């Protein structure tokens, strides 16, 4: 992958400095403007005790630094000036060592100076916009590519593989090659229910599949928390309460009698999870923030921390469940949801 500096464009940061290299000189590791890059980003997949993911073979194209499991890649650029952008790219645009005439991703009109680049891949057909990157044109990286790229999406997803931020310095008037990139397997999610931003009725059935493409998942690390607003007092005051929801885990492995992925084609290992708390049968109407966490079995382990929203719609036939006290704060102990009273002693309300 190649980055090109520019003196304008973009947004969300401080004004870009201008810098023109001295005529006849080229900064180390760069190629003069207009000259096709001689190398693109190179990546090595971190080996594990189970297997090392092979390079992707994209139909009609060459190998990619992204493994076979990846349908699409995400490149995130963050400048020291504060400007940030994201672009979704076909894996074919990220070859390990591009041959002459082979397509590769070129970002352009970037702010000059130090920056970082991060590459992730997803099994979905879209990539999510990072939380720190602005939505819209200001958060979409400009590229010289006219096909195989598109803006990042506002729907969230968890990456199957990812790299740490790679430091790079952008100079004016030159193309700067990204160099070697290490892409490692990450724990990620499949088949989340309720889906993001969905409207659901009670009882709420929460399920998800957590997997890893290389090492598998540490079962004790898998957890589900929900945060919701509960009315208290008269007139009611809504306060957030966080609840750890007990879950049941069933092991799964693609290629076995209990596959993890719907098409049994991702070659992943993990668990199918289902919430077992009856508390979910009488959630109050309103938004619910869900948080799913897990770790894989790599050394060191890599983390999943995925958050999303769904909405519980009012049930006309439901009987309100009274909650003790006139104020609510966060709390949890076992299966009891604590709604504190005005006194120092908390009164547990059992699901």
Protein backbone atom coordinates (compact mmCIF):
# COMPACT_ATOMS: atom_id res chain seq x y z
CA UNK A 1 0.00 0.00 0.00
CA UNK A 2 1.23 3.46 -0.87
CA UNK A 3 0.47 6.88 0.62
CA UNK A 4 0.83 10.21 -1.17
CA UNK A 5 1.15 13.57 0.54
CA UNK A 6 -0.88 16.59 -0.49
CA UNK A 7 -1.25 20.24 0.41
CA UNK A 8 -5.03 20.30 0.67
CA UNK A 9 -8.18 18.28 1.04
CA UNK A 10 -9.32 16.19 3.95
CA UNK A 11 -10.64 17.65 7.14
CA UNK A 12 -10.93 17.31 10.87
CA UNK A 13 -7.37 18.37 11.70
CA UNK A 14 -4.96 21.29 11.74
CA UNK A 15 -3.84 22.94 8.49
CA UNK A 16 -1.39 20.80 6.58
CA UNK A 17 2.19 22.02 6.29
CA UNK A 18 3.69 22.21 2.84
CA UNK A 19 6.98 20.55 2.08
CA UNK A 20 8.63 19.99 -1.27
CA UNK A 21 11.64 17.64 -1.43
CA UNK A 22 14.81 19.11 -2.88
CA UNK A 23 15.05 18.54 -6.62
CA UNK A 24 16.93 15.39 -7.49
CA UNK A 25 16.52 13.84 -4.01
CA UNK A 26 14.09 11.29 -2.72
CA UNK A 27 13.51 10.53 1.00
CA UNK A 28 14.56 7.04 2.03
CA UNK A 29 11.96 4.37 1.28
CA UNK A 30 9.99 6.53 -1.16
CA UNK A 31 9.40 6.74 -4.89
CA UNK A 32 9.14 9.97 -6.90
CA UNK A 33 5.63 11.13 -7.77
CA UNK A 34 4.30 9.60 -10.98
CA UNK A 35 6.58 6.56 -10.72
CA UNK A 36 4.74 3.28 -10.08
CA UNK A 37 5.56 1.97 -6.60
CA UNK A 38 8.04 -0.91 -6.56
CA UNK A 39 6.57 -2.55 -3.46
CA UNK A 40 3.32 -2.47 -1.56
CA UNK A 41 2.46 -3.37 2.00
CA UNK A 42 3.79 -6.75 3.07
CA UNK A 43 2.20 -8.73 5.86
CA UNK A 44 3.00 -11.90 7.74
CA UNK A 45 0.24 -13.77 9.56
CA UNK A 46 1.26 -14.59 13.12
CA UNK A 47 1.70 -18.39 13.39
CA UNK A 48 -0.05 -20.37 16.10
CA UNK A 49 0.08 -23.93 17.38
CA UNK A 50 -2.99 -24.81 15.29
CA UNK A 51 -2.25 -23.43 11.85
CA UNK A 52 -1.04 -20.48 9.84
CA UNK A 53 -3.65 -18.91 7.60
CA UNK A 54 -2.76 -19.13 3.89
CA UNK A 55 -2.72 -16.07 1.64
CA UNK A 56 -6.00 -15.06 0.06
CA UNK A 57 -6.64 -15.98 -3.56
CA UNK A 58 -9.00 -13.36 -4.93
CA UNK A 59 -10.88 -14.40 -8.08
CA UNK A 60 -9.33 -12.59 -11.01
CA UNK A 61 -6.47 -11.25 -8.92
CA UNK A 62 -3.32 -12.18 -7.04
CA UNK A 63 -2.67 -13.16 -3.44
CA UNK A 64 -3.41 -10.76 -0.62
CA UNK A 65 -1.89 -10.09 2.78
CA UNK A 66 -5.38 -10.82 4.12
CA UNK A 67 -6.23 -14.53 4.73
CA UNK A 68 -8.92 -16.49 2.87
CA UNK A 69 -11.55 -15.79 5.53
CA UNK A 70 -11.56 -12.08 4.67
CA UNK A 71 -14.21 -10.77 2.28
CA UNK A 72 -13.10 -7.15 2.60
CA UNK A 73 -10.32 -5.12 4.18
CA UNK A 74 -10.30 -1.85 6.08
CA UNK A 75 -7.46 0.66 6.01
CA UNK A 76 -7.47 3.38 8.67
CA UNK A 77 -5.12 6.35 8.44
CA UNK A 78 -4.49 8.55 11.49
CA UNK A 79 -2.25 11.62 11.20
CA UNK A 80 -0.40 13.28 14.06
CA UNK A 81 -2.16 16.48 12.97
CA UNK A 82 -5.47 14.95 14.10
CA UNK A 83 -6.87 14.09 10.68
CA UNK A 84 -8.25 10.55 10.34
CA UNK A 85 -9.83 8.61 7.50
CA UNK A 86 -10.99 5.12 6.60
CA UNK A 87 -11.48 3.19 3.36
CA UNK A 88 -12.89 -0.25 2.55
CA UNK A 89 -10.81 -2.16 0.01
CA UNK A 90 -11.00 -5.41 -1.93
CA UNK A 91 -8.29 -7.78 -0.61
CA UNK A 92 -6.76 -7.92 -4.10
CA UNK A 93 -5.63 -4.30 -3.57
CA UNK A 94 -3.42 -5.42 -0.67
CA UNK A 95 -0.90 -7.82 -2.26
CA UNK A 96 2.21 -8.84 -0.29
CA UNK A 97 4.61 -8.00 -3.12
CA UNK A 98 2.87 -6.43 -6.12
CA UNK A 99 4.20 -7.22 -9.57
CA UNK A 100 4.42 -4.55 -12.28
CA UNK A 101 0.92 -3.68 -13.39
CA UNK A 102 -0.69 -5.50 -10.44
CA UNK A 103 -3.38 -3.46 -8.64
CA UNK A 104 -2.61 -2.08 -5.20
CA UNK A 105 -4.15 0.50 -2.89
CA UNK A 106 -2.84 4.07 -3.09
CA UNK A 107 -4.08 6.71 -0.63
CA UNK A 108 -3.67 10.29 -1.79
CA UNK A 109 -3.95 13.89 -0.58
CA UNK A 110 -2.80 12.92 2.93
CA UNK A 111 -1.61 15.40 5.58
CA UNK A 112 2.16 15.65 5.75
CA UNK A 113 4.12 14.38 8.71
CA UNK A 114 4.02 11.40 11.09
CA UNK A 115 0.98 9.12 10.98
CA UNK A 116 -0.12 5.53 11.54
CA UNK A 117 -1.92 3.04 9.30
CA UNK A 118 -3.98 0.08 10.56
CA UNK A 119 -5.29 -2.79 8.41
CA UNK A 120 -8.20 -5.02 9.48
CA UNK A 121 -10.32 -7.58 7.65
CA UNK A 122 -13.93 -8.70 7.95
CA UNK A 123 -16.00 -11.71 6.91
CA UNK A 124 -18.94 -9.42 6.15
CA UNK A 125 -19.38 -7.50 2.90
CA UNK A 126 -18.81 -4.15 4.64
CA UNK A 127 -16.37 -2.61 7.11
CA UNK A 128 -17.39 -0.47 10.10
CA UNK A 129 -16.32 3.13 10.52
CA UNK A 130 -13.93 3.40 13.52
CA UNK A 131 -15.38 5.35 16.43
CA UNK A 132 -12.70 8.04 16.24
CA UNK A 133 -13.09 8.65 12.49
CA UNK A 134 -15.71 11.21 11.34
CA UNK A 135 -18.56 9.99 9.15
CA UNK A 136 -19.04 11.31 5.65
CA UNK A 137 -16.55 12.60 3.09
CA UNK A 138 -14.14 14.04 5.68
CA UNK A 139 -13.67 10.56 7.14
CA UNK A 140 -13.25 8.75 3.82
CA UNK A 141 -9.67 8.38 2.58
CA UNK A 142 -9.04 9.64 -0.94
CA UNK A 143 -7.48 7.06 -3.25
CA UNK A 144 -6.07 6.86 -6.75
CA UNK A 145 -8.07 3.65 -7.16
CA UNK A 146 -11.32 3.95 -9.09
CA UNK A 147 -12.60 0.43 -8.35
CA UNK A 148 -12.42 -1.98 -5.44
CA UNK A 149 -12.82 0.77 -2.81
CA UNK A 150 -15.75 2.37 -1.01
CA UNK A 151 -16.48 4.34 2.19
CA UNK A 152 -16.60 2.64 5.57
CA UNK A 153 -20.08 1.87 6.90
CA UNK A 154 -21.80 3.10 10.06
CA UNK A 155 -22.97 -0.44 10.93
CA UNK A 156 -20.60 -2.11 13.38
CA UNK A 157 -18.81 -5.46 13.08
CA UNK A 158 -15.83 -7.22 14.67
CA UNK A 159 -12.63 -7.86 12.71
CA UNK A 160 -11.38 -11.40 12.04
CA UNK A 161 -7.79 -10.25 11.55
CA UNK A 162 -6.07 -7.00 12.39
CA UNK A 163 -2.72 -5.25 12.56
CA UNK A 164 -1.28 -2.91 15.18
CA UNK A 165 -0.88 0.72 14.07
CA UNK A 166 2.09 0.99 11.68
CA UNK A 167 4.08 4.25 12.00
CA UNK A 168 4.72 6.06 8.73
CA UNK A 169 5.80 9.56 7.67
CA UNK A 170 4.10 11.27 4.73
CA UNK A 171 6.25 13.59 2.58
CA UNK A 172 5.06 16.05 -0.04
CA UNK A 173 5.42 15.13 -3.69
CA UNK A 174 6.38 11.48 -3.17
CA UNK A 175 4.76 8.05 -2.76
CA UNK A 176 5.62 6.38 0.53
CA UNK A 177 5.41 2.60 0.75
CA UNK A 178 3.86 1.21 3.92
CA UNK A 179 6.33 -1.66 4.31
CA UNK A 180 5.84 -4.83 6.36
CA UNK A 181 2.55 -5.32 8.20
CA UNK A 182 1.83 -8.07 10.76
CA UNK A 183 -1.80 -9.23 10.60
CA UNK A 184 -2.95 -11.38 13.55
CA UNK A 185 -6.07 -13.48 14.16
CA UNK A 186 -8.69 -11.92 16.45
CA UNK A 187 -11.76 -13.25 18.27
CA UNK A 188 -14.88 -12.07 16.43
CA UNK A 189 -18.65 -12.50 16.32
CA UNK A 190 -21.17 -14.18 14.03
CA UNK A 191 -24.98 -14.28 14.05
CA UNK A 192 -25.77 -11.70 16.75
CA UNK A 193 -29.40 -11.63 17.90
CA UNK A 194 -31.11 -9.28 18.32
CA UNK A 195 -29.24 -7.60 15.47
CA UNK A 196 -27.94 -4.06 15.74
CA UNK A 197 -30.60 -1.34 16.01
CA UNK A 198 -33.40 -3.94 15.81
CA UNK A 199 -36.77 -3.43 17.52
CA UNK A 200 -37.78 -6.53 19.49
CA UNK A 201 -40.59 -7.57 21.79
CA UNK A 202 -40.26 -9.37 25.11
CA UNK A 203 -39.21 -12.00 25.86
CA UNK A 204 -35.87 -11.05 24.32
CA UNK A 205 -33.81 -13.93 22.94
CA UNK A 206 -30.11 -12.96 22.96
CA UNK A 207 -27.71 -15.24 21.08
CA UNK A 208 -24.34 -14.92 19.37
CA UNK A 209 -21.43 -17.02 18.12
CA UNK A 210 -17.89 -16.07 19.17
CA UNK A 211 -15.05 -17.60 17.16
CA UNK A 212 -11.37 -17.35 16.27
CA UNK A 213 -9.79 -18.41 12.94
CA UNK A 214 -6.63 -19.90 14.46
CA UNK A 215 -6.50 -20.65 18.18
CA UNK A 216 -10.08 -20.88 19.42
CA UNK A 217 -11.79 -19.06 22.29
CA UNK A 218 -11.16 -19.15 26.06
CA UNK A 219 -14.59 -20.14 27.42
CA UNK A 220 -14.24 -18.38 30.83
CA UNK A 221 -13.58 -15.09 29.03
CA UNK A 222 -16.93 -14.96 27.19
CA UNK A 223 -19.34 -12.50 28.83
CA UNK A 224 -22.51 -10.57 28.01
CA UNK A 225 -23.54 -7.33 29.74
CA UNK A 226 -26.57 -5.18 29.08
CA UNK A 227 -27.19 -1.60 30.15
CA UNK A 228 -30.71 -0.14 30.19
CA UNK A 229 -32.62 2.77 31.66
CA UNK A 230 -34.99 1.85 34.50
CA UNK A 231 -37.70 4.27 35.73
CA UNK A 232 -37.67 5.09 39.45
CA UNK A 233 -39.96 7.18 41.66
CA UNK A 234 -42.87 9.52 40.89
CA UNK A 235 -42.51 11.30 38.60
CA UNK A 236 -40.19 8.63 37.16
CA UNK A 237 -36.50 9.33 36.77
CA UNK A 238 -34.61 7.05 34.37
CA UNK A 239 -31.27 5.73 35.58
CA UNK A 240 -28.84 3.38 33.79
CA UNK A 241 -28.39 -0.11 35.24
CA UNK A 242 -25.82 -2.63 34.01
CA UNK A 243 -26.56 -6.34 34.29
CA UNK A 244 -24.23 -9.32 33.71
CA UNK A 245 -26.40 -11.80 31.83
CA UNK A 246 -25.63 -15.50 32.41
CA UNK A 247 -24.99 -17.38 29.16
CA UNK A 248 -24.84 -21.00 28.07
CA UNK A 249 -21.97 -21.98 25.74
CA UNK A 250 -22.04 -24.81 23.20
CA UNK A 251 -18.68 -25.61 21.53
CA UNK A 252 -18.56 -25.37 17.74
CA UNK A 253 -15.99 -25.99 15.01
CA UNK A 254 -16.34 -25.60 11.27
CA UNK A 255 -15.91 -28.92 9.52
CA UNK A 256 -17.49 -30.84 12.42
CA UNK A 257 -21.02 -31.96 13.29
CA UNK A 258 -21.41 -28.63 15.12
CA UNK A 259 -20.16 -25.92 12.73
CA UNK A 260 -19.79 -22.33 13.87
CA UNK A 261 -20.54 -20.49 10.62
CA UNK A 262 -23.80 -20.85 8.71
CA UNK A 263 -22.12 -22.06 5.54
CA UNK A 264 -19.54 -24.11 7.48
CA UNK A 265 -16.85 -22.48 5.37
CA UNK A 266 -14.85 -20.12 7.60
CA UNK A 267 -12.66 -22.76 9.30
CA UNK A 268 -13.22 -21.17 12.73
CA UNK A 269 -13.53 -22.55 16.26
CA UNK A 270 -15.46 -21.18 19.22
CA UNK A 271 -18.81 -21.23 20.99
CA UNK A 272 -22.47 -20.60 20.29
CA UNK A 273 -23.80 -18.54 23.20
CA UNK A 274 -27.35 -18.14 24.47
CA UNK A 275 -28.55 -15.93 27.32
CA UNK A 276 -30.29 -17.93 30.05
CA UNK A 277 -31.42 -15.19 32.45
CA UNK A 278 -35.20 -14.93 32.75
CA UNK A 279 -34.67 -11.24 33.43
CA UNK A 280 -34.68 -10.82 29.65
CA UNK A 281 -38.35 -11.84 29.60
CA UNK A 282 -39.47 -8.55 31.15
CA UNK A 283 -37.01 -5.89 30.04
CA UNK A 284 -38.60 -2.42 30.11
CA UNK A 285 -39.31 -0.74 26.80
CA UNK A 286 -36.49 1.42 25.48
CA UNK A 287 -32.89 1.21 24.26
CA UNK A 288 -30.59 -1.56 25.46
CA UNK A 289 -26.81 -1.35 25.16
CA UNK A 290 -25.22 -4.79 24.81
CA UNK A 291 -21.53 -5.54 25.38
CA UNK A 292 -19.89 -8.85 24.41
CA UNK A 293 -16.34 -9.59 25.56
CA UNK A 294 -14.03 -12.55 24.98
CA UNK A 295 -10.40 -13.59 24.50
CA UNK A 296 -8.79 -16.06 22.14
CA UNK A 297 -6.16 -18.64 23.12
CA UNK A 298 -3.21 -16.88 21.49
CA UNK A 299 -0.08 -16.06 23.49
CA UNK A 300 -0.56 -13.29 24.45
CA UNK A 301 -4.37 -13.48 24.16
CA UNK A 302 -6.21 -10.97 21.99
CA UNK A 303 -9.41 -9.32 23.13
CA UNK A 304 -12.90 -8.83 21.76
CA UNK A 305 -14.91 -5.91 23.18
CA UNK A 306 -17.99 -5.42 21.01
CA UNK A 307 -20.83 -3.02 21.85
CA UNK A 308 -24.09 -2.38 20.06
CA UNK A 309 -27.67 -1.21 20.60
CA UNK A 310 -31.12 -2.69 20.17
CA UNK A 311 -34.57 -1.48 21.23
CA UNK A 312 -37.32 -3.16 23.25
CA UNK A 313 -40.77 -2.05 22.08
CA UNK A 314 -43.69 -1.60 24.52
CA UNK A 315 -45.87 -4.63 25.19
CA UNK A 316 -49.50 -3.58 25.64
CA UNK A 317 -50.31 -6.77 27.54
CA UNK A 318 -47.33 -6.59 29.92
CA UNK A 319 -47.76 -6.03 33.66
CA UNK A 320 -45.12 -3.62 34.96
CA UNK A 321 -42.68 -5.22 37.40
CA UNK A 322 -42.20 -2.95 40.43
CA UNK A 323 -38.64 -2.04 41.35
CA UNK A 324 -37.70 -1.11 44.90
CA UNK A 325 -36.35 2.28 45.84
CA UNK A 326 -36.52 5.74 44.35
CA UNK A 327 -33.10 5.84 42.72
CA UNK A 328 -31.12 3.40 40.62
CA UNK A 329 -27.44 2.89 40.13
CA UNK A 330 -25.33 0.21 38.50
CA UNK A 331 -24.80 -3.01 40.38
CA UNK A 332 -24.66 -6.75 39.97
CA UNK A 333 -24.16 -9.83 42.09
CA UNK A 334 -24.89 -13.27 40.71
CA UNK A 335 -28.34 -13.21 39.14
CA UNK A 336 -29.71 -10.40 41.34
CA UNK A 337 -30.27 -6.96 39.87
CA UNK A 338 -29.65 -4.39 42.61
CA UNK A 339 -31.86 -1.32 42.77
CA UNK A 340 -30.55 0.53 45.84
CA UNK A 341 -32.89 2.12 48.36
CA UNK A 342 -32.20 5.60 49.77
CA UNK A 343 -30.45 3.87 52.71
CA UNK A 344 -26.92 2.40 52.56
CA UNK A 345 -28.43 -1.12 52.35
CA UNK A 346 -29.15 -2.30 48.81
CA UNK A 347 -32.33 -4.24 48.13
CA UNK A 348 -31.89 -6.99 45.51
CA UNK A 349 -34.67 -7.48 43.01
CA UNK A 350 -34.56 -11.05 41.70
CA UNK A 351 -35.27 -11.64 38.00
